[in-house]
């Protein structure tokens, strides 16, 4: 069985206990990660708003 995991804010494992749980379940043969870039962050990066840091923007 394959599953999808939606990353909402953080990409770190300790921020996503559902992902850790999913990976440990028997029968799961594949996990497809999805991260949708929120337009909020795109607008913030274009206006030099302090809503997101430069390093975080580059990482995303």
C-alpha atoms as a PDB file:
ATOM      1  CA  UNK A   1       0.000   0.000   0.000  1.00  0.00           C
ATOM      2  CA  UNK A   2       1.289   3.472  -0.885  1.00  0.00           C
ATOM      3  CA  UNK A   3       0.433   6.626   1.023  1.00  0.00           C
ATOM      4  CA  UNK A   4       0.667  10.393   0.629  1.00  0.00           C
ATOM      5  CA  UNK A   5       2.002  12.712   3.325  1.00  0.00           C
ATOM      6  CA  UNK A   6       1.202  16.416   3.128  1.00  0.00           C
ATOM      7  CA  UNK A   7       3.902  18.641   4.602  1.00  0.00           C
ATOM      8  CA  UNK A   8       2.195  21.809   5.776  1.00  0.00           C
ATOM      9  CA  UNK A   9       4.854  23.878   7.525  1.00  0.00           C
ATOM     10  CA  UNK A  10       7.931  21.986   8.625  1.00  0.00           C
ATOM     11  CA  UNK A  11       9.884  19.417   6.688  1.00  0.00           C
ATOM     12  CA  UNK A  12      11.697  17.982   9.713  1.00  0.00           C
ATOM     13  CA  UNK A  13      10.761  14.553  11.023  1.00  0.00           C
ATOM     14  CA  UNK A  14      10.183  15.737  14.586  1.00  0.00           C
ATOM     15  CA  UNK A  15       7.645  18.257  13.212  1.00  0.00           C
ATOM     16  CA  UNK A  16       5.755  15.449  11.451  1.00  0.00           C
ATOM     17  CA  UNK A  17       4.919  12.599  13.846  1.00  0.00           C
ATOM     18  CA  UNK A  18       2.302  11.345  11.367  1.00  0.00           C
ATOM     19  CA  UNK A  19       5.062  10.753   8.803  1.00  0.00           C
ATOM     20  CA  UNK A  20       7.163   8.841  11.311  1.00  0.00           C
ATOM     21  CA  UNK A  21       4.143   6.725  12.223  1.00  0.00           C
ATOM     22  CA  UNK A  22       3.304   6.122   8.574  1.00  0.00           C
ATOM     23  CA  UNK A  23       6.821   4.928   7.751  1.00  0.00           C
ATOM     24  CA  UNK A  24       6.718   2.414  10.613  1.00  0.00           C
ATOM     25  CA  UNK A  25       3.386   0.842   9.634  1.00  0.00           C
ATOM     26  CA  UNK A  26       3.547  -2.652   8.217  1.00  0.00           C
ATOM     27  CA  UNK A  27       2.352  -2.956   4.646  1.00  0.00           C
ATOM     28  CA  UNK A  28       3.292   0.574   3.572  1.00  0.00           C
ATOM     29  CA  UNK A  29       5.521   0.140   0.538  1.00  0.00           C
ATOM     30  CA  UNK A  30       5.789   3.749  -0.564  1.00  0.00           C
ATOM     31  CA  UNK A  31       5.289   7.252   0.780  1.00  0.00           C
ATOM     32  CA  UNK A  32       4.772  10.153  -1.602  1.00  0.00           C
ATOM     33  CA  UNK A  33       5.601  13.489   0.048  1.00  0.00           C
ATOM     34  CA  UNK A  34       3.694  16.591  -1.047  1.00  0.00           C
ATOM     35  CA  UNK A  35       4.604  20.167  -0.216  1.00  0.00           C
ATOM     36  CA  UNK A  36       2.480  22.973  -1.619  1.00  0.00           C
ATOM     37  CA  UNK A  37       4.105  26.374  -1.569  1.00  0.00           C
ATOM     38  CA  UNK A  38       1.692  28.780   0.072  1.00  0.00           C
ATOM     39  CA  UNK A  39       1.165  32.017  -1.922  1.00  0.00           C
ATOM     40  CA  UNK A  40       1.550  33.828   1.422  1.00  0.00           C
ATOM     41  CA  UNK A  41       5.271  33.012   1.361  1.00  0.00           C
ATOM     42  CA  UNK A  42       5.690  33.937  -2.293  1.00  0.00           C
ATOM     43  CA  UNK A  43       4.150  37.370  -1.714  1.00  0.00           C
ATOM     44  CA  UNK A  44       6.276  37.872   1.384  1.00  0.00           C
ATOM     45  CA  UNK A  45       9.489  37.124  -0.508  1.00  0.00           C
ATOM     46  CA  UNK A  46       8.633  39.603  -3.271  1.00  0.00           C
ATOM     47  CA  UNK A  47       7.906  42.465  -0.892  1.00  0.00           C
ATOM     48  CA  UNK A  48      10.863  41.807   1.452  1.00  0.00           C
ATOM     49  CA  UNK A  49       8.388  41.244   4.252  1.00  0.00           C
ATOM     50  CA  UNK A  50       9.740  39.788   7.506  1.00  0.00           C
ATOM     51  CA  UNK A  51       7.149  36.973   7.337  1.00  0.00           C
ATOM     52  CA  UNK A  52       9.811  34.586   6.032  1.00  0.00           C
ATOM     53  CA  UNK A  53      13.580  34.576   6.340  1.00  0.00           C
ATOM     54  CA  UNK A  54      15.985  34.501   3.407  1.00  0.00           C
ATOM     55  CA  UNK A  55      17.397  31.106   4.351  1.00  0.00           C
ATOM     56  CA  UNK A  56      13.962  29.542   4.713  1.00  0.00           C
ATOM     57  CA  UNK A  57      12.866  30.952   1.350  1.00  0.00           C
ATOM     58  CA  UNK A  58      15.961  29.530  -0.363  1.00  0.00           C
ATOM     59  CA  UNK A  59      15.334  26.150   1.272  1.00  0.00           C
ATOM     60  CA  UNK A  60      11.725  26.044   0.117  1.00  0.00           C
END
